[in-house]
Amino acid sequence: MKTYQLMGIDTAMHLLRPGAKWEISNREITRWDDPRPKPSWDEVMFTVEKIKELEDAVPTILLPEQQKAFEDYVAQIEQANAA
C-alpha cells in the first residue's frame, strides 16, 4: 500500500486548467470562473488516474518512522470502516 502525495482532484484540476477558479460538489463543478471550458468529470478522473500511475511508478522509500505512521493511519481507517 502507498500514500499518494500528488493524486487528487485539486492536482488534476491544476494540470487541466492552471489557475482556474472552481468548486466541486458531488462530482459536479458547481463554480467555474475561467474563460476556458470546464473539464468534464471523466477528464478529471482520467487525469487523477494518470497521476496515480506516475506515483505508482516511483520507487518511494519511507523512513521507518514514516512507515510506522502510515501503518497506524491505515489501521485507523480499517477500524473506522469496520465500525
Protein backbone atom coordinates (compact mmCIF):
# COMPACT_ATOMS: atom_id res chain seq x y z
CA MET A 1 0.00 0.00 0.00
CA LYS A 2 1.19 3.51 -0.77
CA THR A 3 0.43 7.03 0.37
CA TYR A 4 -0.28 9.19 -2.64
CA GLN A 5 1.19 12.67 -2.36
CA LEU A 6 0.02 14.24 -5.62
CA MET A 7 -3.06 12.30 -6.60
CA GLY A 8 -6.28 14.22 -6.15
CA ILE A 9 -8.88 16.41 -7.76
CA ASP A 10 -7.02 19.63 -6.87
CA THR A 11 -3.88 18.49 -8.66
CA ALA A 12 -5.84 17.18 -11.64
CA MET A 13 -7.73 20.47 -11.99
CA HIS A 14 -4.48 22.43 -11.77
CA LEU A 15 -2.94 20.29 -14.51
CA LEU A 16 -6.03 20.54 -16.72
CA ARG A 17 -6.73 24.27 -16.24
CA PRO A 18 -3.87 26.01 -14.39
CA GLY A 19 -5.07 28.99 -12.40
CA ALA A 20 -8.80 28.37 -12.90
CA LYS A 21 -11.15 29.21 -10.03
CA TRP A 22 -13.57 26.38 -9.38
CA GLU A 23 -15.56 24.40 -6.82
CA ILE A 24 -16.76 20.82 -7.00
CA SER A 25 -19.63 19.22 -5.12
CA ASN A 26 -20.77 15.63 -5.62
CA ARG A 27 -18.71 15.16 -8.79
CA GLU A 28 -20.16 18.29 -10.36
CA ILE A 29 -18.31 21.54 -10.96
CA THR A 30 -20.60 23.99 -9.21
CA ARG A 31 -18.49 27.11 -9.75
CA TRP A 32 -16.39 27.84 -12.81
CA ASP A 33 -14.64 31.20 -13.08
CA ASP A 34 -12.38 30.83 -16.12
CA PRO A 35 -12.71 31.66 -19.83
CA ARG A 36 -11.64 28.14 -20.83
CA PRO A 37 -14.26 25.38 -20.95
CA LYS A 38 -14.58 23.46 -17.72
CA PRO A 39 -13.31 19.89 -17.86
CA SER A 40 -15.73 17.01 -17.68
CA TRP A 41 -15.75 14.70 -14.67
CA ASP A 42 -14.33 11.99 -16.96
CA GLU A 43 -11.39 14.27 -17.86
CA VAL A 44 -10.75 14.96 -14.18
CA MET A 45 -10.82 11.27 -13.26
CA PHE A 46 -8.64 10.34 -16.25
CA THR A 47 -6.06 12.85 -15.02
CA VAL A 48 -6.30 11.56 -11.43
CA GLU A 49 -5.59 8.03 -12.73
CA LYS A 50 -2.58 9.26 -14.74
CA ILE A 51 -1.22 10.96 -11.61
CA LYS A 52 -1.71 7.72 -9.68
CA GLU A 53 0.11 5.76 -12.39
CA LEU A 54 3.05 8.16 -12.12
CA GLU A 55 3.17 7.86 -8.34
CA ASP A 56 2.93 4.06 -8.54
CA ALA A 57 5.93 4.06 -10.90
CA VAL A 58 8.13 5.98 -8.46
CA PRO A 59 10.09 3.66 -6.12
CA THR A 60 9.32 5.50 -2.89
CA ILE A 61 11.36 4.54 0.19
CA LEU A 62 9.95 5.58 3.54
CA LEU A 63 11.91 6.10 6.72
CA PRO A 64 10.97 3.63 9.49
CA GLU A 65 9.01 6.30 11.39
CA GLN A 66 7.16 7.27 8.19
CA GLN A 67 6.28 3.62 7.55
CA LYS A 68 5.02 3.24 11.13
CA ALA A 69 2.90 6.42 10.86
CA PHE A 70 1.46 5.16 7.58
CA GLU A 71 0.64 1.75 9.04
CA ASP A 72 -1.05 3.43 12.02
CA TYR A 73 -3.07 5.59 9.64
CA VAL A 74 -4.17 2.55 7.60
CA ALA A 75 -5.16 0.73 10.81
CA GLN A 76 -7.32 3.70 11.87
CA ILE A 77 -9.09 3.70 8.52
CA GLU A 78 -9.67 -0.04 8.70
CA GLN A 79 -11.08 0.27 12.24
CA ALA A 80 -13.39 3.10 11.16
CA ASN A 81 -14.62 1.08 8.19
CA ALA A 82 -15.25 -1.97 10.39
CA ALA A 83 -17.43 0.02 12.79
